[in-house]
């Protein structure tokens, strides 16, 4: 590309993109990562690519370049501190892999294990953990100050079902016109609602006026 006067705009645009990319690499830079050749405004700049950005990444075998590492054996026994070369040799002699499991320790901790089986177990545990995680939803129950007894019982039953599933419940009392002049006088509707569910719920957020509404949050009572 020729950098003539007519190309100044393109040149400035390219340099902005290049500078942004360099800043991103600097934030993620890791002195132990493999070298990455990067072209910057016609000059060749050597940067380190952080291959451990992904939390699931582990340095394995020849990727481990620390001068010394603390080595744990296949069965959890402490072998001791040695050079990474000696540790790798020990792993190879056992027909296994050397995996860095605690890179921030001093010295870093490595295990002699079967890396394939290790990653399989990691993936299995992560999958099981995700299954156990439940996304808590917020369900809303809307009422008016003039709600009748039957409707109130229906709303209470619906809230109970939501709470039994582990969801949070937002109770909203909506006011119109002249009703807004007496909002606090109707607060008992929310407190009575909460009192009818004390066997399963606790008040997470007390009744609060928000514009034309009064809201209260309930959450499942922990055993």
C-alpha atoms as a PDB file:
ATOM      1  CA  UNK A   1       0.000   0.000   0.000  1.00  0.00           C
ATOM      2  CA  UNK A   2       1.414   3.418  -0.904  1.00  0.00           C
ATOM      3  CA  UNK A   3       1.132   6.078   1.790  1.00  0.00           C
ATOM      4  CA  UNK A   4       0.428   9.094  -0.415  1.00  0.00           C
ATOM      5  CA  UNK A   5      -1.559  12.201   0.507  1.00  0.00           C
ATOM      6  CA  UNK A   6      -4.755  10.715  -0.845  1.00  0.00           C
ATOM      7  CA  UNK A   7      -4.373   7.697   1.432  1.00  0.00           C
ATOM      8  CA  UNK A   8      -3.998   9.637   4.696  1.00  0.00           C
ATOM      9  CA  UNK A   9      -7.545   8.903   5.773  1.00  0.00           C
ATOM     10  CA  UNK A  10      -7.163   5.175   5.178  1.00  0.00           C
ATOM     11  CA  UNK A  11      -3.782   5.239   6.903  1.00  0.00           C
ATOM     12  CA  UNK A  12      -5.200   6.911  10.041  1.00  0.00           C
ATOM     13  CA  UNK A  13      -8.091   4.447  10.124  1.00  0.00           C
ATOM     14  CA  UNK A  14      -5.714   1.477   9.843  1.00  0.00           C
ATOM     15  CA  UNK A  15      -3.430   2.826  12.556  1.00  0.00           C
ATOM     16  CA  UNK A  16      -6.376   3.288  14.914  1.00  0.00           C
ATOM     17  CA  UNK A  17      -7.368  -0.353  14.374  1.00  0.00           C
ATOM     18  CA  UNK A  18      -3.777  -1.508  14.861  1.00  0.00           C
ATOM     19  CA  UNK A  19      -3.365   0.519  18.066  1.00  0.00           C
ATOM     20  CA  UNK A  20      -6.611  -0.899  19.420  1.00  0.00           C
ATOM     21  CA  UNK A  21      -5.472  -4.431  18.685  1.00  0.00           C
ATOM     22  CA  UNK A  22      -2.112  -3.801  20.377  1.00  0.00           C
ATOM     23  CA  UNK A  23      -3.855  -2.449  23.478  1.00  0.00           C
ATOM     24  CA  UNK A  24      -6.040  -5.555  23.630  1.00  0.00           C
ATOM     25  CA  UNK A  25      -2.980  -7.811  23.405  1.00  0.00           C
ATOM     26  CA  UNK A  26      -1.202  -5.810  26.107  1.00  0.00           C
ATOM     27  CA  UNK A  27      -4.135  -6.364  28.486  1.00  0.00           C
ATOM     28  CA  UNK A  28      -4.033 -10.111  27.871  1.00  0.00           C
ATOM     29  CA  UNK A  29      -0.244 -10.465  27.547  1.00  0.00           C
ATOM     30  CA  UNK A  30       1.381 -13.503  29.079  1.00  0.00           C
ATOM     31  CA  UNK A  31       5.190 -13.886  29.061  1.00  0.00           C
ATOM     32  CA  UNK A  32       4.859 -17.680  28.946  1.00  0.00           C
ATOM     33  CA  UNK A  33       2.638 -17.828  25.873  1.00  0.00           C
ATOM     34  CA  UNK A  34       3.890 -18.621  22.345  1.00  0.00           C
ATOM     35  CA  UNK A  35       5.203 -15.750  20.289  1.00  0.00           C
ATOM     36  CA  UNK A  36       2.846 -14.078  17.870  1.00  0.00           C
ATOM     37  CA  UNK A  37       4.208 -12.139  14.926  1.00  0.00           C
ATOM     38  CA  UNK A  38       2.158  -8.982  14.481  1.00  0.00           C
ATOM     39  CA  UNK A  39       2.480  -6.441  11.661  1.00  0.00           C
ATOM     40  CA  UNK A  40       2.185  -2.926  13.018  1.00  0.00           C
ATOM     41  CA  UNK A  41       2.308   0.005  10.562  1.00  0.00           C
ATOM     42  CA  UNK A  42       4.825  -1.748   8.383  1.00  0.00           C
ATOM     43  CA  UNK A  43       7.037  -2.836  11.288  1.00  0.00           C
ATOM     44  CA  UNK A  44       7.226  -6.348  12.718  1.00  0.00           C
ATOM     45  CA  UNK A  45       6.446  -6.471  16.429  1.00  0.00           C
ATOM     46  CA  UNK A  46       6.763  -9.567  18.587  1.00  0.00           C
ATOM     47  CA  UNK A  47       3.946 -10.056  21.053  1.00  0.00           C
ATOM     48  CA  UNK A  48       3.099 -12.899  23.366  1.00  0.00           C
ATOM     49  CA  UNK A  49      -0.284 -14.523  22.834  1.00  0.00           C
ATOM     50  CA  UNK A  50      -2.011 -15.353  26.101  1.00  0.00           C
ATOM     51  CA  UNK A  51      -3.118 -18.906  25.498  1.00  0.00           C
ATOM     52  CA  UNK A  52      -4.461 -19.132  29.045  1.00  0.00           C
ATOM     53  CA  UNK A  53      -7.190 -16.507  28.591  1.00  0.00           C
ATOM     54  CA  UNK A  54      -9.722 -19.308  28.543  1.00  0.00           C
ATOM     55  CA  UNK A  55     -10.265 -20.460  32.132  1.00  0.00           C
ATOM     56  CA  UNK A  56     -10.465 -24.055  30.912  1.00  0.00           C
ATOM     57  CA  UNK A  57      -6.950 -23.955  29.431  1.00  0.00           C
ATOM     58  CA  UNK A  58      -4.100 -25.829  31.085  1.00  0.00           C
ATOM     59  CA  UNK A  59      -0.438 -25.751  30.190  1.00  0.00           C
ATOM     60  CA  UNK A  60       0.656 -29.287  29.325  1.00  0.00           C
ATOM     61  CA  UNK A  61       4.035 -30.985  28.837  1.00  0.00           C
ATOM     62  CA  UNK A  62       6.350 -28.864  26.636  1.00  0.00           C
ATOM     63  CA  UNK A  63       4.150 -25.801  27.166  1.00  0.00           C
ATOM     64  CA  UNK A  64       5.386 -25.659  30.769  1.00  0.00           C
ATOM     65  CA  UNK A  65       8.546 -23.531  30.754  1.00  0.00           C
ATOM     66  CA  UNK A  66       8.971 -22.563  34.394  1.00  0.00           C
ATOM     67  CA  UNK A  67      12.440 -22.969  35.868  1.00  0.00           C
ATOM     68  CA  UNK A  68      11.050 -24.903  38.845  1.00  0.00           C
ATOM     69  CA  UNK A  69       7.701 -26.539  39.576  1.00  0.00           C
ATOM     70  CA  UNK A  70       6.185 -28.367  42.527  1.00  0.00           C
ATOM     71  CA  UNK A  71       5.193 -31.833  41.329  1.00  0.00           C
ATOM     72  CA  UNK A  72       2.316 -34.001  42.540  1.00  0.00           C
ATOM     73  CA  UNK A  73       2.200 -37.624  41.490  1.00  0.00           C
ATOM     74  CA  UNK A  74      -0.553 -39.592  39.782  1.00  0.00           C
ATOM     75  CA  UNK A  75      -2.052 -40.746  43.085  1.00  0.00           C
ATOM     76  CA  UNK A  76      -1.833 -37.354  44.838  1.00  0.00           C
ATOM     77  CA  UNK A  77       1.512 -37.958  46.496  1.00  0.00           C
ATOM     78  CA  UNK A  78       3.870 -34.989  46.828  1.00  0.00           C
ATOM     79  CA  UNK A  79       7.021 -35.617  44.763  1.00  0.00           C
ATOM     80  CA  UNK A  80       8.711 -32.278  45.403  1.00  0.00           C
ATOM     81  CA  UNK A  81      10.244 -29.300  43.640  1.00  0.00           C
ATOM     82  CA  UNK A  82      12.255 -29.884  40.481  1.00  0.00           C
ATOM     83  CA  UNK A  83      12.954 -28.339  37.117  1.00  0.00           C
ATOM     84  CA  UNK A  84      10.158 -28.453  34.569  1.00  0.00           C
ATOM     85  CA  UNK A  85      12.414 -30.567  32.331  1.00  0.00           C
ATOM     86  CA  UNK A  86      12.885 -33.200  35.037  1.00  0.00           C
ATOM     87  CA  UNK A  87       9.180 -33.123  35.830  1.00  0.00           C
ATOM     88  CA  UNK A  88       8.297 -33.677  32.186  1.00  0.00           C
ATOM     89  CA  UNK A  89      10.788 -36.535  31.990  1.00  0.00           C
ATOM     90  CA  UNK A  90       9.182 -38.177  35.027  1.00  0.00           C
ATOM     91  CA  UNK A  91       5.748 -37.853  33.452  1.00  0.00           C
ATOM     92  CA  UNK A  92       6.943 -39.325  30.164  1.00  0.00           C
ATOM     93  CA  UNK A  93       8.590 -42.243  31.930  1.00  0.00           C
ATOM     94  CA  UNK A  94       5.253 -42.984  33.608  1.00  0.00           C
ATOM     95  CA  UNK A  95       3.473 -42.775  30.248  1.00  0.00           C
ATOM     96  CA  UNK A  96       1.469 -39.769  31.458  1.00  0.00           C
ATOM     97  CA  UNK A  97       1.298 -36.005  31.035  1.00  0.00           C
ATOM     98  CA  UNK A  98       2.586 -33.080  33.056  1.00  0.00           C
ATOM     99  CA  UNK A  99      -0.233 -30.587  33.663  1.00  0.00           C
ATOM    100  CA  UNK A 100       0.112 -27.207  35.364  1.00  0.00           C
ATOM    101  CA  UNK A 101      -2.867 -26.986  37.723  1.00  0.00           C
ATOM    102  CA  UNK A 102      -1.894 -23.975  39.878  1.00  0.00           C
ATOM    103  CA  UNK A 103      -0.004 -21.491  37.697  1.00  0.00           C
ATOM    104  CA  UNK A 104      -0.096 -18.689  40.306  1.00  0.00           C
ATOM    105  CA  UNK A 105       1.509 -20.719  43.086  1.00  0.00           C
ATOM    106  CA  UNK A 106       5.191 -20.196  43.869  1.00  0.00           C
ATOM    107  CA  UNK A 107       6.550 -22.351  42.429  1.00  0.00           C
ATOM    108  CA  UNK A 108       3.690 -23.385  40.083  1.00  0.00           C
ATOM    109  CA  UNK A 109       2.065 -26.723  40.908  1.00  0.00           C
ATOM    110  CA  UNK A 110       2.028 -29.468  38.291  1.00  0.00           C
ATOM    111  CA  UNK A 111       0.429 -32.890  38.347  1.00  0.00           C
ATOM    112  CA  UNK A 112       1.513 -36.054  36.594  1.00  0.00           C
ATOM    113  CA  UNK A 113      -1.752 -37.367  35.187  1.00  0.00           C
ATOM    114  CA  UNK A 114      -3.503 -38.627  32.073  1.00  0.00           C
ATOM    115  CA  UNK A 115      -4.515 -35.310  30.509  1.00  0.00           C
ATOM    116  CA  UNK A 116      -7.238 -36.876  28.358  1.00  0.00           C
ATOM    117  CA  UNK A 117      -8.952 -38.412  31.380  1.00  0.00           C
ATOM    118  CA  UNK A 118      -8.399 -35.208  33.347  1.00  0.00           C
ATOM    119  CA  UNK A 119     -10.201 -33.068  30.744  1.00  0.00           C
ATOM    120  CA  UNK A 120     -13.002 -35.634  30.498  1.00  0.00           C
ATOM    121  CA  UNK A 121     -13.559 -35.463  34.261  1.00  0.00           C
ATOM    122  CA  UNK A 122     -13.421 -31.664  34.184  1.00  0.00           C
ATOM    123  CA  UNK A 123     -16.075 -31.529  31.453  1.00  0.00           C
ATOM    124  CA  UNK A 124     -18.265 -34.033  33.301  1.00  0.00           C
ATOM    125  CA  UNK A 125     -18.105 -32.059  36.552  1.00  0.00           C
ATOM    126  CA  UNK A 126     -18.880 -28.790  34.753  1.00  0.00           C
ATOM    127  CA  UNK A 127     -21.876 -30.412  33.064  1.00  0.00           C
ATOM    128  CA  UNK A 128     -23.196 -31.720  36.382  1.00  0.00           C
ATOM    129  CA  UNK A 129     -22.680 -28.333  38.034  1.00  0.00           C
ATOM    130  CA  UNK A 130     -24.699 -26.622  35.300  1.00  0.00           C
ATOM    131  CA  UNK A 131     -27.537 -29.096  35.786  1.00  0.00           C
ATOM    132  CA  UNK A 132     -27.666 -28.267  39.495  1.00  0.00           C
ATOM    133  CA  UNK A 133     -27.719 -24.552  38.836  1.00  0.00           C
ATOM    134  CA  UNK A 134     -31.220 -23.144  38.656  1.00  0.00           C
ATOM    135  CA  UNK A 135     -31.884 -19.760  37.158  1.00  0.00           C
ATOM    136  CA  UNK A 136     -34.085 -17.863  39.590  1.00  0.00           C
ATOM    137  CA  UNK A 137     -36.910 -16.054  37.841  1.00  0.00           C
ATOM    138  CA  UNK A 138     -38.997 -13.175  39.098  1.00  0.00           C
ATOM    139  CA  UNK A 139     -42.719 -13.795  38.802  1.00  0.00           C
ATOM    140  CA  UNK A 140     -45.116 -10.891  39.223  1.00  0.00           C
ATOM    141  CA  UNK A 141     -48.505 -10.972  40.907  1.00  0.00           C
ATOM    142  CA  UNK A 142     -50.601  -7.871  40.124  1.00  0.00           C
ATOM    143  CA  UNK A 143     -53.489  -6.721  42.276  1.00  0.00           C
ATOM    144  CA  UNK A 144     -55.683  -3.688  42.817  1.00  0.00           C
ATOM    145  CA  UNK A 145     -56.640  -2.134  46.170  1.00  0.00           C
ATOM    146  CA  UNK A 146     -60.222  -3.339  45.632  1.00  0.00           C
ATOM    147  CA  UNK A 147     -59.332  -6.997  45.072  1.00  0.00           C
ATOM    148  CA  UNK A 148     -62.072  -9.381  46.249  1.00  0.00           C
ATOM    149  CA  UNK A 149     -61.533 -12.400  48.489  1.00  0.00           C
ATOM    150  CA  UNK A 150     -61.750 -15.044  45.747  1.00  0.00           C
ATOM    151  CA  UNK A 151     -59.291 -13.234  43.511  1.00  0.00           C
ATOM    152  CA  UNK A 152     -56.940 -12.745  46.448  1.00  0.00           C
ATOM    153  CA  UNK A 153     -57.004 -16.481  47.191  1.00  0.00           C
ATOM    154  CA  UNK A 154     -56.249 -17.248  43.530  1.00  0.00           C
ATOM    155  CA  UNK A 155     -53.313 -14.818  43.547  1.00  0.00           C
ATOM    156  CA  UNK A 156     -52.005 -16.311  46.785  1.00  0.00           C
ATOM    157  CA  UNK A 157     -52.165 -19.847  45.360  1.00  0.00           C
ATOM    158  CA  UNK A 158     -50.262 -18.725  42.253  1.00  0.00           C
ATOM    159  CA  UNK A 159     -47.577 -17.078  44.373  1.00  0.00           C
ATOM    160  CA  UNK A 160     -47.233 -20.260  46.428  1.00  0.00           C
ATOM    161  CA  UNK A 161     -46.582 -22.320  43.276  1.00  0.00           C
ATOM    162  CA  UNK A 162     -43.904 -19.889  42.133  1.00  0.00           C
ATOM    163  CA  UNK A 163     -42.217 -19.959  45.535  1.00  0.00           C
ATOM    164  CA  UNK A 164     -42.281 -23.757  45.652  1.00  0.00           C
ATOM    165  CA  UNK A 165     -40.352 -23.750  42.350  1.00  0.00           C
ATOM    166  CA  UNK A 166     -37.743 -21.472  43.873  1.00  0.00           C
ATOM    167  CA  UNK A 167     -38.757 -18.325  41.996  1.00  0.00           C
ATOM    168  CA  UNK A 168     -38.848 -14.851  43.529  1.00  0.00           C
ATOM    169  CA  UNK A 169     -42.270 -13.234  43.560  1.00  0.00           C
ATOM    170  CA  UNK A 170     -42.949  -9.542  43.043  1.00  0.00           C
ATOM    171  CA  UNK A 171     -46.319  -8.436  44.395  1.00  0.00           C
ATOM    172  CA  UNK A 172     -47.558  -5.268  42.722  1.00  0.00           C
ATOM    173  CA  UNK A 173     -50.474  -3.227  43.995  1.00  0.00           C
ATOM    174  CA  UNK A 174     -51.660  -0.789  41.317  1.00  0.00           C
ATOM    175  CA  UNK A 175     -53.477   2.451  42.114  1.00  0.00           C
ATOM    176  CA  UNK A 176     -55.606   4.694  39.898  1.00  0.00           C
ATOM    177  CA  UNK A 177     -56.984   8.189  40.210  1.00  0.00           C
ATOM    178  CA  UNK A 178     -58.169   9.048  43.716  1.00  0.00           C
ATOM    179  CA  UNK A 179     -56.794   5.771  45.085  1.00  0.00           C
ATOM    180  CA  UNK A 180     -53.321   7.300  44.968  1.00  0.00           C
ATOM    181  CA  UNK A 181     -54.214   9.713  47.758  1.00  0.00           C
ATOM    182  CA  UNK A 182     -54.612   6.781  50.152  1.00  0.00           C
ATOM    183  CA  UNK A 183     -51.820   4.431  49.060  1.00  0.00           C
ATOM    184  CA  UNK A 184     -50.361   3.859  52.524  1.00  0.00           C
ATOM    185  CA  UNK A 185     -53.784   2.926  53.843  1.00  0.00           C
ATOM    186  CA  UNK A 186     -53.739  -0.124  51.584  1.00  0.00           C
ATOM    187  CA  UNK A 187     -50.303  -1.372  52.599  1.00  0.00           C
ATOM    188  CA  UNK A 188     -52.003  -3.990  54.782  1.00  0.00           C
ATOM    189  CA  UNK A 189     -53.027  -5.845  51.597  1.00  0.00           C
ATOM    190  CA  UNK A 190     -49.379  -6.645  50.899  1.00  0.00           C
ATOM    191  CA  UNK A 191     -48.485  -7.429  54.500  1.00  0.00           C
ATOM    192  CA  UNK A 192     -51.525  -9.717  54.821  1.00  0.00           C
ATOM    193  CA  UNK A 193     -50.489 -11.393  51.560  1.00  0.00           C
ATOM    194  CA  UNK A 194     -47.009 -12.058  52.950  1.00  0.00           C
ATOM    195  CA  UNK A 195     -48.409 -13.302  56.279  1.00  0.00           C
ATOM    196  CA  UNK A 196     -50.515 -15.906  54.447  1.00  0.00           C
ATOM    197  CA  UNK A 197     -47.319 -17.399  52.993  1.00  0.00           C
ATOM    198  CA  UNK A 198     -45.045 -17.357  56.046  1.00  0.00           C
ATOM    199  CA  UNK A 199     -44.788 -21.160  55.974  1.00  0.00           C
ATOM    200  CA  UNK A 200     -42.923 -21.012  52.665  1.00  0.00           C
ATOM    201  CA  UNK A 201     -41.779 -17.433  52.106  1.00  0.00           C
ATOM    202  CA  UNK A 202     -40.010 -14.491  53.678  1.00  0.00           C
ATOM    203  CA  UNK A 203     -40.205 -10.834  52.703  1.00  0.00           C
ATOM    204  CA  UNK A 204     -37.089 -10.041  50.698  1.00  0.00           C
ATOM    205  CA  UNK A 205     -38.041  -6.399  50.104  1.00  0.00           C
ATOM    206  CA  UNK A 206     -40.653  -4.662  52.230  1.00  0.00           C
ATOM    207  CA  UNK A 207     -43.572  -2.804  50.620  1.00  0.00           C
ATOM    208  CA  UNK A 208     -42.388   0.287  48.790  1.00  0.00           C
ATOM    209  CA  UNK A 209     -44.197   2.974  46.810  1.00  0.00           C
ATOM    210  CA  UNK A 210     -42.987   3.386  43.241  1.00  0.00           C
ATOM    211  CA  UNK A 211     -45.004   5.934  41.299  1.00  0.00           C
ATOM    212  CA  UNK A 212     -48.524   4.574  40.881  1.00  0.00           C
ATOM    213  CA  UNK A 213     -47.661   1.207  42.390  1.00  0.00           C
ATOM    214  CA  UNK A 214     -46.654  -0.353  45.682  1.00  0.00           C
ATOM    215  CA  UNK A 215     -44.365  -3.377  45.421  1.00  0.00           C
ATOM    216  CA  UNK A 216     -43.084  -6.110  47.690  1.00  0.00           C
ATOM    217  CA  UNK A 217     -40.724  -9.026  46.984  1.00  0.00           C
ATOM    218  CA  UNK A 218     -41.049 -12.507  48.456  1.00  0.00           C
ATOM    219  CA  UNK A 219     -38.512 -15.289  48.266  1.00  0.00           C
ATOM    220  CA  UNK A 220     -38.539 -18.927  49.266  1.00  0.00           C
ATOM    221  CA  UNK A 221     -37.764 -19.644  52.913  1.00  0.00           C
ATOM    222  CA  UNK A 222     -34.558 -21.637  53.313  1.00  0.00           C
ATOM    223  CA  UNK A 223     -34.690 -24.764  55.441  1.00  0.00           C
END
